[in-house]
C-alpha atoms as a PDB file:
ATOM      1  CA  MET A   1      18.710 -15.034  -0.062  1.00  0.00           C
ATOM      2  CA  LYS A   2      18.798 -18.406  -1.813  1.00  0.00           C
ATOM      3  CA  LYS A   3      18.892 -16.703  -5.229  1.00  0.00           C
ATOM      4  CA  ILE A   4      21.734 -14.406  -4.130  1.00  0.00           C
ATOM      5  CA  ILE A   5      23.825 -17.395  -3.019  1.00  0.00           C
ATOM      6  CA  PHE A   6      23.004 -19.300  -6.203  1.00  0.00           C
ATOM      7  CA  ASP A   7      23.903 -16.346  -8.429  1.00  0.00           C
ATOM      8  CA  ALA A   8      27.136 -15.659  -6.514  1.00  0.00           C
ATOM      9  CA  TRP A   9      28.126 -19.326  -6.858  1.00  0.00           C
ATOM     10  CA  ASN A  10      27.478 -19.256 -10.608  1.00  0.00           C
ATOM     11  CA  VAL A  11      29.443 -16.050 -11.152  1.00  0.00           C
ATOM     12  CA  VAL A  12      32.516 -17.676  -9.614  1.00  0.00           C
ATOM     13  CA  MET A  13      32.167 -21.400 -10.322  1.00  0.00           C
ATOM     14  CA  ASN A  14      30.164 -21.759 -13.549  1.00  0.00           C
ATOM     15  CA  HIS A  15      32.538 -21.454 -16.489  1.00  0.00           C
ATOM     16  CA  ASN A  16      29.582 -20.796 -18.808  1.00  0.00           C
ATOM     17  CA  ILE A  17      28.667 -17.634 -16.860  1.00  0.00           C
ATOM     18  CA  ASN A  18      31.919 -16.238 -15.451  1.00  0.00           C
ATOM     19  CA  PRO A  19      34.456 -14.461 -17.691  1.00  0.00           C
ATOM     20  CA  LEU A  20      36.172 -17.782 -18.469  1.00  0.00           C
ATOM     21  CA  LYS A  21      33.318 -18.412 -20.915  1.00  0.00           C
ATOM     22  CA  ASN A  22      35.376 -16.365 -23.390  1.00  0.00           C
ATOM     23  CA  ILE A  23      38.067 -19.077 -23.481  1.00  0.00           C
ATOM     24  CA  PRO A  24      36.944 -21.338 -26.339  1.00  0.00           C
ATOM     25  CA  HIS A  25      38.708 -24.549 -25.278  1.00  0.00           C
ATOM     26  CA  THR A  26      37.086 -26.396 -22.350  1.00  0.00           C
ATOM     27  CA  HIS A  27      40.356 -28.028 -21.261  1.00  0.00           C
ATOM     28  CA  VAL A  28      42.036 -24.637 -20.953  1.00  0.00           C
ATOM     29  CA  ARG A  29      39.091 -23.365 -18.901  1.00  0.00           C
ATOM     30  CA  HIS A  30      39.471 -26.359 -16.597  1.00  0.00           C
ATOM     31  CA  LEU A  31      43.213 -25.736 -16.239  1.00  0.00           C
ATOM     32  CA  VAL A  32      42.583 -22.081 -15.366  1.00  0.00           C
ATOM     33  CA  MET A  33      39.979 -23.125 -12.763  1.00  0.00           C
ATOM     34  CA  GLN A  34      42.522 -25.531 -11.226  1.00  0.00           C
ATOM     35  CA  ALA A  35      45.156 -22.796 -11.112  1.00  0.00           C
ATOM     36  CA  LEU A  36      42.669 -20.492  -9.377  1.00  0.00           C
ATOM     37  CA  ALA A  37      41.794 -23.259  -6.913  1.00  0.00           C
ATOM     38  CA  LEU A  38      45.496 -23.738  -6.121  1.00  0.00           C
ATOM     39  CA  MET A  39      45.906 -19.983  -5.652  1.00  0.00           C
ATOM     40  CA  TRP A  40      42.996 -19.923  -3.186  1.00  0.00           C
ATOM     41  CA  CYS A  41      44.465 -22.907  -1.317  1.00  0.00           C
ATOM     42  CA  VAL A  42      47.697 -20.978  -0.888  1.00  0.00           C
ATOM     43  CA  ALA A  43      45.842 -17.804   0.127  1.00  0.00           C
ATOM     44  CA  PHE A  44      43.788 -19.525   2.831  1.00  0.00           C
ATOM     45  CA  SER A  45      46.800 -21.490   4.083  1.00  0.00           C
ATOM     46  CA  MET A  46      48.903 -18.370   4.420  1.00  0.00           C
ATOM     47  CA  TYR A  47      46.021 -16.604   6.132  1.00  0.00           C
ATOM     48  CA  PHE A  48      45.897 -19.372   8.731  1.00  0.00           C
ATOM     49  CA  THR A  49      49.718 -19.752   8.588  1.00  0.00           C
ATOM     50  CA  SER A  50      49.586 -23.504   8.264  1.00  0.00           C
ATOM     51  CA  ILE A  51      51.387 -25.593   5.667  1.00  0.00           C
ATOM     52  CA  TRP A  52      49.251 -28.567   6.761  1.00  0.00           C
ATOM     53  CA  LEU A  53      46.128 -26.647   5.858  1.00  0.00           C
ATOM     54  CA  PHE A  54      47.669 -25.932   2.465  1.00  0.00           C
ATOM     55  CA  GLY A  55      48.240 -29.628   1.860  1.00  0.00           C
ATOM     56  CA  ILE A  56      44.755 -30.589   2.969  1.00  0.00           C
ATOM     57  CA  THR A  57      43.002 -27.889   0.944  1.00  0.00           C
ATOM     58  CA  THR A  58      45.125 -28.588  -2.142  1.00  0.00           C
ATOM     59  CA  ILE A  59      44.321 -32.299  -2.029  1.00  0.00           C
ATOM     60  CA  ALA A  60      40.644 -31.572  -1.393  1.00  0.00           C
ATOM     61  CA  HIS A  61      40.477 -29.184  -4.355  1.00  0.00           C
ATOM     62  CA  MET A  62      42.247 -31.643  -6.634  1.00  0.00           C
ATOM     63  CA  ILE A  63      39.870 -34.441  -5.655  1.00  0.00           C
ATOM     64  CA  LEU A  64      36.771 -32.291  -6.120  1.00  0.00           C
ATOM     65  CA  LEU A  65      37.915 -30.772  -9.411  1.00  0.00           C
ATOM     66  CA  GLY A  66      39.017 -34.163 -10.673  1.00  0.00           C
ATOM     67  CA  ALA A  67      35.602 -35.609  -9.831  1.00  0.00           C
ATOM     68  CA  VAL A  68      33.891 -32.737 -11.656  1.00  0.00           C
ATOM     69  CA  ALA A  69      36.180 -33.194 -14.678  1.00  0.00           C
ATOM     70  CA  PHE A  70      35.509 -36.952 -14.763  1.00  0.00           C
ATOM     71  CA  THR A  71      31.757 -36.335 -14.558  1.00  0.00           C
ATOM     72  CA  VAL A  72      31.867 -33.810 -17.403  1.00  0.00           C
ATOM     73  CA  LEU A  73      33.992 -36.212 -19.460  1.00  0.00           C
ATOM     74  CA  THR A  74      31.505 -39.029 -18.863  1.00  0.00           C
ATOM     75  CA  PHE A  75      28.515 -36.846 -19.786  1.00  0.00           C
ATOM     76  CA  GLU A  76      30.245 -35.551 -22.938  1.00  0.00           C
ATOM     77  CA  THR A  77      31.191 -39.078 -23.998  1.00  0.00           C
ATOM     78  CA  ALA A  78      27.621 -40.255 -23.438  1.00  0.00           C
ATOM     79  CA  LYS A  79      26.327 -37.340 -25.521  1.00  0.00           C
ATOM     80  CA  ARG A  80      28.827 -37.521 -28.386  1.00  0.00           C
ATOM     81  CA  LYS A  81      29.592 -41.251 -28.572  1.00  0.00           C
ATOM     82  CA  PRO A  82      27.102 -43.375 -26.613  1.00  0.00           C
ATOM     83  CA  SER A  83      28.406 -46.548 -28.249  1.00  0.00           C
ATOM     84  CA  PHE A  84      31.547 -46.165 -26.107  1.00  0.00           C
ATOM     85  CA  PHE A  85      29.622 -47.637 -23.175  1.00  0.00           C
ATOM     86  CA  GLY A  86      28.651 -50.709 -25.166  1.00  0.00           C
ATOM     87  CA  ASN A  87      25.355 -52.482 -25.356  1.00  0.00           C
ATOM     88  CA  TYR A  88      23.278 -53.627 -22.416  1.00  0.00           C
ATOM     89  CA  TYR A  89      22.916 -57.047 -23.975  1.00  0.00           C
ATOM     90  CA  THR A  90      26.343 -58.624 -23.750  1.00  0.00           C
ATOM     91  CA  PRO A  91      27.404 -61.783 -25.608  1.00  0.00           C
ATOM     92  CA  SER A  92      28.075 -63.482 -22.282  1.00  0.00           C
ATOM     93  CA  ARG A  93      24.359 -63.705 -21.453  1.00  0.00           C
ATOM     94  CA  SER A  94      23.168 -67.270 -21.353  1.00  0.00           C
ATOM     95  CA  ARG A  95      20.821 -68.284 -24.162  1.00  0.00           C
ATOM     96  CA  ALA A  96      19.480 -71.269 -22.241  1.00  0.00           C
ATOM     97  CA  ILE A  97      18.004 -72.035 -18.847  1.00  0.00           C
ATOM     98  CA  TYR A  98      18.025 -75.217 -16.821  1.00  0.00           C
ATOM     99  CA  VAL A  99      14.824 -76.549 -15.307  1.00  0.00           C
ATOM    100  CA  GLY A 100      14.862 -79.831 -13.399  1.00  0.00           C
ATOM    101  CA  GLY A 101      18.322 -80.616 -14.739  1.00  0.00           C
ATOM    102  CA  LYS A 102      17.223 -80.261 -18.374  1.00  0.00           C
ATOM    103  CA  ARG A 103      18.553 -77.547 -20.692  1.00  0.00           C
ATOM    104  CA  ILE A 104      15.872 -75.425 -22.353  1.00  0.00           C
ATOM    105  CA  GLU A 105      17.038 -73.255 -25.264  1.00  0.00           C
ATOM    106  CA  LEU A 106      15.685 -69.726 -25.334  1.00  0.00           C
ATOM    107  CA  ASP A 107      14.453 -67.898 -28.420  1.00  0.00           C
ATOM    108  CA  PRO A 108      17.555 -66.435 -30.135  1.00  0.00           C
ATOM    109  CA  ASN A 109      15.623 -63.180 -30.768  1.00  0.00           C
ATOM    110  CA  ASP A 110      14.892 -62.798 -27.072  1.00  0.00           C
ATOM    111  CA  LYS A 111      17.287 -60.233 -25.574  1.00  0.00           C
ATOM    112  CA  GLY A 112      16.882 -61.713 -22.111  1.00  0.00           C
ATOM    113  CA  GLY A 113      16.709 -59.813 -18.875  1.00  0.00           C
ATOM    114  CA  GLU A 114      14.358 -60.289 -15.968  1.00  0.00           C
ATOM    115  CA  HIS A 115      12.182 -57.255 -16.703  1.00  0.00           C
ATOM    116  CA  GLU A 116      11.210 -57.984 -20.300  1.00  0.00           C
END
């Protein structure tokens, strides 16, 4: 049963498995998925004859699809251009510590951090 649900989900929602995989541009695939989500919002709202339900489901779909799009964008950026996120060791890290009111300079080659 679990496999049937998983496969059914992938056939509809996974753009690498469903027929949208034939659209070469990822942004266009995303736009088509949003249009389908809007269509289903309208369909369910009309079924329940509630314009409020339409508003709620439309907003919910936009939030969920936007979150998915942002996640994919983040993952793709991390894969293609990891330098975008910068370096862990920022210039603002202190290169000295104070012990008993006296400044002690740290080794300039030491990256710092409490776990090194």
